[in-house]
Amino acid sequence: MTNPNARRTASPLTHTAWSGKQWGRRTTPDCSRSSRPRRDRVDLILKILKIEANPVLLSLLAAGPLEDVISAGTIDRIEREARVNERFRDLLGGVWYYRAPDDVRTRLDALIGESRW
């Protein structure tokens, strides 16, 4: 027997219908796209961080998009944000940055200290 409800077509989802958390979960993969300028990806990471509290998703945000955006060109911005944004500073604790240039690693070490996850 066929379930008549299974035949219904779902209405298309639009970003205006998403809650803040749904938006964050659906756009997190987008912030790792290398076609976006890194400054835009930092902005998107910060927007997601404002609305997301799930530790699993935050760990994915740190280990993926945030890790990908760290560079000599973004370290000044990252330092400024970490000084005024405790959640962002905590998020940096989930980043592996061993492949970053020495000067960037030194600056991140100073920011993160013992707050590694």
C-alpha atoms as a PDB file:
ATOM      1  CA  MET A   1       0.000   0.000   0.000  1.00  0.00           C
ATOM      2  CA  THR A   2       1.298   3.446  -0.905  1.00  0.00           C
ATOM      3  CA  ASN A   3       1.400   6.197   1.656  1.00  0.00           C
ATOM      4  CA  PRO A   4      -0.420   9.224   0.173  1.00  0.00           C
ATOM      5  CA  ASN A   5       1.631  11.594   2.334  1.00  0.00           C
ATOM      6  CA  ALA A   6       4.831  10.346   0.722  1.00  0.00           C
ATOM      7  CA  ARG A   7       3.615  11.643  -2.642  1.00  0.00           C
ATOM      8  CA  ARG A   8       3.296  15.221  -1.524  1.00  0.00           C
ATOM      9  CA  THR A   9       6.012  17.488  -2.745  1.00  0.00           C
ATOM     10  CA  ALA A  10       7.778  19.552  -0.173  1.00  0.00           C
ATOM     11  CA  SER A  11       7.761  23.278  -0.621  1.00  0.00           C
ATOM     12  CA  PRO A  12      11.199  24.659  -1.480  1.00  0.00           C
ATOM     13  CA  LEU A  13      13.216  26.000   1.405  1.00  0.00           C
ATOM     14  CA  THR A  14      14.361  29.556   1.265  1.00  0.00           C
ATOM     15  CA  HIS A  15      16.841  31.255   3.530  1.00  0.00           C
ATOM     16  CA  THR A  16      14.117  33.587   4.812  1.00  0.00           C
ATOM     17  CA  ALA A  17      12.284  30.574   6.238  1.00  0.00           C
ATOM     18  CA  TRP A  18      15.334  29.306   8.151  1.00  0.00           C
ATOM     19  CA  SER A  19      15.968  29.959  11.785  1.00  0.00           C
ATOM     20  CA  GLY A  20      19.356  31.328  12.755  1.00  0.00           C
ATOM     21  CA  LYS A  21      20.658  27.872  13.651  1.00  0.00           C
ATOM     22  CA  GLN A  22      19.365  26.347  10.406  1.00  0.00           C
ATOM     23  CA  TRP A  23      21.066  29.115   8.473  1.00  0.00           C
ATOM     24  CA  GLY A  24      24.343  28.466  10.276  1.00  0.00           C
ATOM     25  CA  ARG A  25      24.216  24.731   9.690  1.00  0.00           C
ATOM     26  CA  ARG A  26      23.442  25.136   6.010  1.00  0.00           C
ATOM     27  CA  THR A  27      25.999  27.829   5.288  1.00  0.00           C
ATOM     28  CA  THR A  28      28.955  26.456   7.250  1.00  0.00           C
ATOM     29  CA  PRO A  29      30.230  24.415   4.285  1.00  0.00           C
ATOM     30  CA  ASP A  30      29.975  27.557   2.130  1.00  0.00           C
ATOM     31  CA  CYS A  31      32.480  29.488   4.228  1.00  0.00           C
ATOM     32  CA  SER A  32      35.279  27.119   3.267  1.00  0.00           C
ATOM     33  CA  ARG A  33      34.911  27.789  -0.436  1.00  0.00           C
ATOM     34  CA  SER A  34      38.150  29.213  -1.703  1.00  0.00           C
ATOM     35  CA  SER A  35      36.343  31.356  -4.281  1.00  0.00           C
ATOM     36  CA  ARG A  36      35.167  33.672  -1.490  1.00  0.00           C
ATOM     37  CA  PRO A  37      37.620  36.305  -0.279  1.00  0.00           C
ATOM     38  CA  ARG A  38      39.047  35.335   3.110  1.00  0.00           C
ATOM     39  CA  ARG A  39      37.719  38.511   4.768  1.00  0.00           C
ATOM     40  CA  ASP A  40      34.192  37.481   3.704  1.00  0.00           C
ATOM     41  CA  ARG A  41      34.730  34.017   5.120  1.00  0.00           C
ATOM     42  CA  VAL A  42      35.822  35.535   8.452  1.00  0.00           C
ATOM     43  CA  ASP A  43      32.619  37.609   8.470  1.00  0.00           C
ATOM     44  CA  LEU A  44      30.523  34.502   7.825  1.00  0.00           C
ATOM     45  CA  ILE A  45      32.314  32.568  10.570  1.00  0.00           C
ATOM     46  CA  LEU A  46      31.570  35.395  13.005  1.00  0.00           C
ATOM     47  CA  LYS A  47      27.892  35.450  12.014  1.00  0.00           C
ATOM     48  CA  ILE A  48      27.603  31.699  12.567  1.00  0.00           C
ATOM     49  CA  LEU A  49      29.409  31.971  15.894  1.00  0.00           C
ATOM     50  CA  LYS A  50      26.841  34.549  17.098  1.00  0.00           C
ATOM     51  CA  ILE A  51      23.950  32.134  16.626  1.00  0.00           C
ATOM     52  CA  GLU A  52      25.441  28.675  17.088  1.00  0.00           C
ATOM     53  CA  ALA A  53      26.016  26.991  20.441  1.00  0.00           C
ATOM     54  CA  ASN A  54      26.205  23.321  19.450  1.00  0.00           C
ATOM     55  CA  PRO A  55      29.704  22.131  20.452  1.00  0.00           C
ATOM     56  CA  VAL A  56      29.872  19.636  17.594  1.00  0.00           C
ATOM     57  CA  LEU A  57      29.096  22.283  14.997  1.00  0.00           C
ATOM     58  CA  LEU A  58      31.515  24.715  16.627  1.00  0.00           C
ATOM     59  CA  SER A  59      34.263  22.108  16.458  1.00  0.00           C
ATOM     60  CA  LEU A  60      33.527  21.646  12.758  1.00  0.00           C
ATOM     61  CA  LEU A  61      33.604  25.403  12.273  1.00  0.00           C
ATOM     62  CA  ALA A  62      37.008  25.608  13.979  1.00  0.00           C
ATOM     63  CA  ALA A  63      38.564  22.582  12.295  1.00  0.00           C
ATOM     64  CA  GLY A  64      37.330  23.479   8.827  1.00  0.00           C
ATOM     65  CA  PRO A  65      36.377  27.005   7.805  1.00  0.00           C
ATOM     66  CA  LEU A  66      38.324  28.874  10.488  1.00  0.00           C
ATOM     67  CA  GLU A  67      41.395  26.738   9.967  1.00  0.00           C
ATOM     68  CA  ASP A  68      41.209  27.353   6.217  1.00  0.00           C
ATOM     69  CA  VAL A  69      40.959  31.119   6.556  1.00  0.00           C
ATOM     70  CA  ILE A  70      43.994  31.643   8.801  1.00  0.00           C
ATOM     71  CA  SER A  71      46.865  33.202   6.879  1.00  0.00           C
ATOM     72  CA  ALA A  72      49.365  36.035   6.961  1.00  0.00           C
ATOM     73  CA  GLY A  73      46.683  38.143   5.265  1.00  0.00           C
ATOM     74  CA  THR A  74      44.030  37.509   7.935  1.00  0.00           C
ATOM     75  CA  ILE A  75      46.044  37.249  11.153  1.00  0.00           C
ATOM     76  CA  ASP A  76      45.656  40.964  12.001  1.00  0.00           C
ATOM     77  CA  ARG A  77      41.881  40.681  11.733  1.00  0.00           C
ATOM     78  CA  ILE A  78      41.871  37.435  13.710  1.00  0.00           C
ATOM     79  CA  GLU A  79      43.941  39.018  16.491  1.00  0.00           C
ATOM     80  CA  ARG A  80      41.672  42.079  16.670  1.00  0.00           C
ATOM     81  CA  GLU A  81      38.553  39.933  16.841  1.00  0.00           C
ATOM     82  CA  ALA A  82      40.013  37.538  19.413  1.00  0.00           C
ATOM     83  CA  ARG A  83      40.898  40.415  21.730  1.00  0.00           C
ATOM     84  CA  VAL A  84      37.282  41.619  21.924  1.00  0.00           C
ATOM     85  CA  ASN A  85      35.331  38.406  21.286  1.00  0.00           C
ATOM     86  CA  GLU A  86      35.796  35.669  23.873  1.00  0.00           C
ATOM     87  CA  ARG A  87      33.763  33.109  21.907  1.00  0.00           C
ATOM     88  CA  PHE A  88      35.951  33.669  18.851  1.00  0.00           C
ATOM     89  CA  ARG A  89      39.096  33.340  20.970  1.00  0.00           C
ATOM     90  CA  ASP A  90      37.727  30.066  22.375  1.00  0.00           C
ATOM     91  CA  LEU A  91      36.927  28.877  18.839  1.00  0.00           C
ATOM     92  CA  LEU A  92      40.564  29.417  17.884  1.00  0.00           C
ATOM     93  CA  GLY A  93      41.437  26.736  20.455  1.00  0.00           C
ATOM     94  CA  GLY A  94      39.956  24.149  18.093  1.00  0.00           C
ATOM     95  CA  VAL A  95      42.153  25.107  15.147  1.00  0.00           C
ATOM     96  CA  TRP A  96      45.193  23.115  14.071  1.00  0.00           C
ATOM     97  CA  TYR A  97      47.571  25.618  12.566  1.00  0.00           C
ATOM     98  CA  TYR A  98      50.827  23.689  12.419  1.00  0.00           C
ATOM     99  CA  ARG A  99      51.120  24.346   8.663  1.00  0.00           C
ATOM    100  CA  ALA A 100      50.847  28.127   9.074  1.00  0.00           C
ATOM    101  CA  PRO A 101      53.961  30.270   8.604  1.00  0.00           C
ATOM    102  CA  ASP A 102      56.131  30.628  11.724  1.00  0.00           C
ATOM    103  CA  ASP A 103      55.118  34.234  12.412  1.00  0.00           C
ATOM    104  CA  VAL A 104      51.399  33.357  12.164  1.00  0.00           C
ATOM    105  CA  ARG A 105      51.871  30.347  14.469  1.00  0.00           C
ATOM    106  CA  THR A 106      53.663  32.519  17.024  1.00  0.00           C
ATOM    107  CA  ARG A 107      50.837  35.059  17.001  1.00  0.00           C
ATOM    108  CA  LEU A 108      48.175  32.347  17.320  1.00  0.00           C
ATOM    109  CA  ASP A 109      50.072  30.714  20.171  1.00  0.00           C
ATOM    110  CA  ALA A 110      50.005  34.052  21.994  1.00  0.00           C
ATOM    111  CA  LEU A 111      46.234  34.376  21.441  1.00  0.00           C
ATOM    112  CA  ILE A 112      45.258  30.841  22.335  1.00  0.00           C
ATOM    113  CA  GLY A 113      47.718  30.087  25.123  1.00  0.00           C
ATOM    114  CA  GLU A 114      46.560  27.043  27.054  1.00  0.00           C
ATOM    115  CA  SER A 115      43.026  27.164  25.633  1.00  0.00           C
ATOM    116  CA  ARG A 116      43.613  24.363  23.106  1.00  0.00           C
ATOM    117  CA  TRP A 117      40.800  21.829  22.867  1.00  0.00           C
END
